[in-house]
Protein backbone atom coordinates (compact mmCIF):
# COMPACT_ATOMS: atom_id res chain seq x y z
CA UNK A 1 -47.18 195.10 -2.77
CA UNK A 2 -47.24 194.68 0.78
CA UNK A 3 -50.20 192.52 2.80
CA UNK A 4 -51.93 193.72 5.56
CA UNK A 5 -53.13 190.48 7.39
CA UNK A 6 -54.52 190.04 11.58
CA UNK A 7 -53.08 187.68 12.86
CA UNK A 8 -53.08 186.22 16.33
CA UNK A 9 -50.86 185.30 18.89
CA UNK A 10 -49.45 184.67 21.87
CA UNK A 11 -46.82 182.86 24.74
CA UNK A 12 -47.03 179.65 25.21
CA UNK A 13 -49.00 178.61 28.12
CA UNK A 14 -51.75 181.54 27.02
CA UNK A 15 -51.18 184.57 30.16
CA UNK A 16 -50.67 187.04 26.89
CA UNK A 17 -52.67 186.50 23.67
CA UNK A 18 -52.64 189.58 21.27
CA UNK A 19 -53.79 190.25 17.49
CA UNK A 20 -51.40 192.20 15.59
CA UNK A 21 -52.17 193.58 12.12
CA UNK A 22 -48.87 193.41 10.14
CA UNK A 23 -47.36 192.53 6.79
CA UNK A 24 -44.95 189.05 6.71
CA UNK A 25 -43.99 189.10 3.07
CA UNK A 26 -40.81 189.59 4.60
CA UNK A 27 -39.82 189.55 8.21
CA UNK A 28 -36.27 190.64 10.10
CA UNK A 29 -33.80 188.14 11.47
CA UNK A 30 -31.51 189.88 13.79
CA UNK A 31 -28.38 188.77 14.77
CA UNK A 32 -27.45 190.59 17.98
CA UNK A 33 -27.00 188.35 20.78
CA UNK A 34 -30.83 187.84 22.27
CA UNK A 35 -32.65 187.45 19.18
CA UNK A 36 -29.82 184.96 18.22
CA UNK A 37 -30.25 183.04 21.18
CA UNK A 38 -33.74 183.31 21.36
CA UNK A 39 -34.54 182.61 17.69
CA UNK A 40 -36.79 185.10 17.42
CA UNK A 41 -38.20 186.60 13.53
CA UNK A 42 -39.50 189.62 14.36
CA UNK A 43 -42.38 191.72 12.21
CA UNK A 44 -42.65 195.53 13.69
CA UNK A 45 -46.19 196.87 14.12
CA UNK A 46 -47.17 199.96 15.00
CA UNK A 47 -49.58 200.47 18.58
CA UNK A 48 -52.88 201.31 16.55
CA UNK A 49 -52.40 197.34 14.55
CA UNK A 50 -51.69 195.86 18.00
CA UNK A 51 -54.37 194.41 20.58
CA UNK A 52 -54.36 192.37 23.64
CA UNK A 53 -56.74 190.04 23.61
CA UNK A 54 -55.67 188.43 27.41
CA UNK A 55 -53.37 189.79 29.46
CA UNK A 56 -51.67 193.76 29.05
CA UNK A 57 -47.70 194.20 29.21
CA UNK A 58 -47.72 194.91 33.48
CA UNK A 59 -48.31 190.89 33.59
CA UNK A 60 -45.11 190.64 31.96
CA UNK A 61 -41.45 190.97 33.19
CA UNK A 62 -39.02 193.29 31.30
CA UNK A 63 -35.94 192.43 29.98
CA UNK A 64 -33.12 195.16 28.91
CA UNK A 65 -29.76 195.04 27.41
CA UNK A 66 -27.31 197.35 25.75
CA UNK A 67 -28.34 200.72 24.08
CA UNK A 68 -31.61 199.93 26.78
CA UNK A 69 -34.26 201.32 23.94
CA UNK A 70 -36.48 197.80 23.66
CA UNK A 71 -38.05 196.48 26.06
CA UNK A 72 -37.87 192.68 25.95
CA UNK A 73 -41.19 191.53 27.89
CA UNK A 74 -41.61 187.76 28.60
CA UNK A 75 -43.87 185.86 30.68
CA UNK A 76 -43.33 185.53 33.69
CA UNK A 77 -44.77 181.26 34.22
CA UNK A 78 -44.06 180.09 30.65
CA UNK A 79 -40.68 182.47 29.56
CA UNK A 80 -42.39 183.40 26.29
CA UNK A 81 -41.09 186.37 24.59
CA UNK A 82 -44.20 186.78 22.21
CA UNK A 83 -42.99 190.28 21.21
CA UNK A 84 -40.79 193.64 22.89
CA UNK A 85 -41.41 197.24 22.68
CA UNK A 86 -39.78 200.39 21.66
CA UNK A 87 -40.47 203.31 19.68
CA UNK A 88 -40.07 204.57 15.91
CA UNK A 89 -37.31 207.13 15.24
CA UNK A 90 -40.38 209.74 15.56
CA UNK A 91 -40.58 208.32 19.34
CA UNK A 92 -44.35 206.30 18.73
CA UNK A 93 -44.63 203.13 20.76
CA UNK A 94 -44.21 200.21 18.20
CA UNK A 95 -44.30 196.37 19.20
CA UNK A 96 -42.09 194.19 18.02
CA UNK A 97 -43.96 190.64 17.37
CA UNK A 98 -42.14 187.69 17.41
CA UNK A 99 -42.90 185.46 14.80
CA UNK A 100 -43.22 182.89 16.02
CA UNK A 101 -45.93 183.05 18.41
CA UNK A 102 -48.05 184.21 15.61
CA UNK A 103 -51.13 181.42 15.01
CA UNK A 104 -51.00 179.16 11.93
CA UNK A 105 -47.93 180.97 10.43
CA UNK A 106 -45.77 178.71 8.01
CA UNK A 107 -42.25 179.95 8.97
CA UNK A 108 -40.99 177.56 5.98
CA UNK A 109 -42.33 180.08 3.35
CA UNK A 110 -41.53 183.69 4.97
CA UNK A 111 -38.48 185.73 3.30
CA UNK A 112 -36.28 186.33 6.20
CA UNK A 113 -34.19 190.13 5.93
CA UNK A 114 -31.29 189.52 7.97
CA UNK A 115 -30.35 192.87 10.21
CA UNK A 116 -27.38 193.31 11.81
CA UNK A 117 -27.86 194.37 15.23
CA UNK A 118 -24.73 193.01 16.51
CA UNK A 119 -22.70 195.82 15.14
CA UNK A 120 -24.93 198.40 16.32
């Protein structure tokens, strides 16, 4: 059974802080080039379950590659990608939260679900 919980998180320098309500019973470990190089562990969150506490998307740098469907958003000061944005198949905005940027999460206890993003 999925357990939704509210987490706080943000970039390294604190310029961007957010709250996200999500289920961390399983997180995505994608093997695409950027996720591999950045070490991202992801949890996908609908926009209504994500809120800024400090900063906003306009304060971040946007990087896109390949099919340009995901906006990889980086803090211009510390360089951390604490989340990215994109759309669900039905066109709704979603956030791909970097679980490594959430406060107080025991990363070793997480079940990782591999996703073959490299082949997409």
